[in-house]
Amino acid sequence: MKAILTSSFFWRFAGGFALGGFGVMTLHPAGAQTAPQTPAAIAHLAD
């Protein structure tokens, strides 16, 4: 277990995971709405 915690691969993986999570939270806030994907949804918004 100690070898895993001191390996550079583990820390690079953990750092990438943290940066990815930060990027997702920063670039896509929780209240963001996405564009409608179906014609029925688009027609509903036009009413």
Protein backbone atom coordinates (compact mmCIF):
# COMPACT_ATOMS: atom_id res chain seq x y z
CA MET A 1 0.00 0.00 0.00
CA LYS A 2 2.84 2.38 0.78
CA ALA A 3 4.32 1.81 -2.68
CA ILE A 4 1.04 2.83 -4.31
CA LEU A 5 0.78 6.04 -2.28
CA THR A 6 4.31 7.08 -3.13
CA SER A 7 4.12 6.27 -6.85
CA SER A 8 4.06 9.12 -9.33
CA PHE A 9 1.35 7.35 -11.36
CA PHE A 10 -1.06 7.50 -8.42
CA TRP A 11 -0.46 11.19 -7.82
CA ARG A 12 -0.79 12.04 -11.51
CA PHE A 13 -4.05 10.10 -11.64
CA ALA A 14 -5.36 11.80 -8.49
CA GLY A 15 -4.33 15.22 -9.79
CA GLY A 16 -5.99 14.62 -13.14
CA PHE A 17 -9.14 13.42 -11.43
CA ALA A 18 -9.22 16.53 -9.23
CA LEU A 19 -8.61 18.86 -12.19
CA GLY A 20 -11.33 17.11 -14.19
CA GLY A 21 -13.83 17.43 -11.36
CA PHE A 22 -12.98 21.09 -10.92
CA GLY A 23 -13.38 21.68 -14.66
CA VAL A 24 -16.78 19.98 -14.75
CA MET A 25 -18.03 22.03 -11.82
CA THR A 26 -16.64 25.26 -13.27
CA LEU A 27 -17.70 24.86 -16.89
CA HIS A 28 -21.12 23.27 -16.32
CA PRO A 29 -22.91 24.76 -13.30
CA ALA A 30 -25.69 22.77 -11.65
CA GLY A 31 -28.51 25.03 -12.88
CA ALA A 32 -27.43 25.07 -16.53
CA GLN A 33 -30.05 24.21 -19.11
CA THR A 34 -29.16 22.32 -22.24
CA ALA A 35 -30.59 22.92 -25.70
CA PRO A 36 -33.64 20.81 -26.59
CA GLN A 37 -32.74 17.73 -28.60
CA THR A 38 -36.06 16.65 -30.14
CA PRO A 39 -38.40 18.50 -32.54
CA ALA A 40 -41.25 18.02 -30.05
CA ALA A 41 -39.27 19.81 -27.34
CA ILE A 42 -38.41 22.64 -29.73
CA ALA A 43 -42.07 23.00 -30.76
CA HIS A 44 -43.12 23.07 -27.11
CA LEU A 45 -40.73 25.95 -26.43
CA ALA A 46 -42.09 27.90 -29.39
CA ASP A 47 -45.64 27.96 -27.94
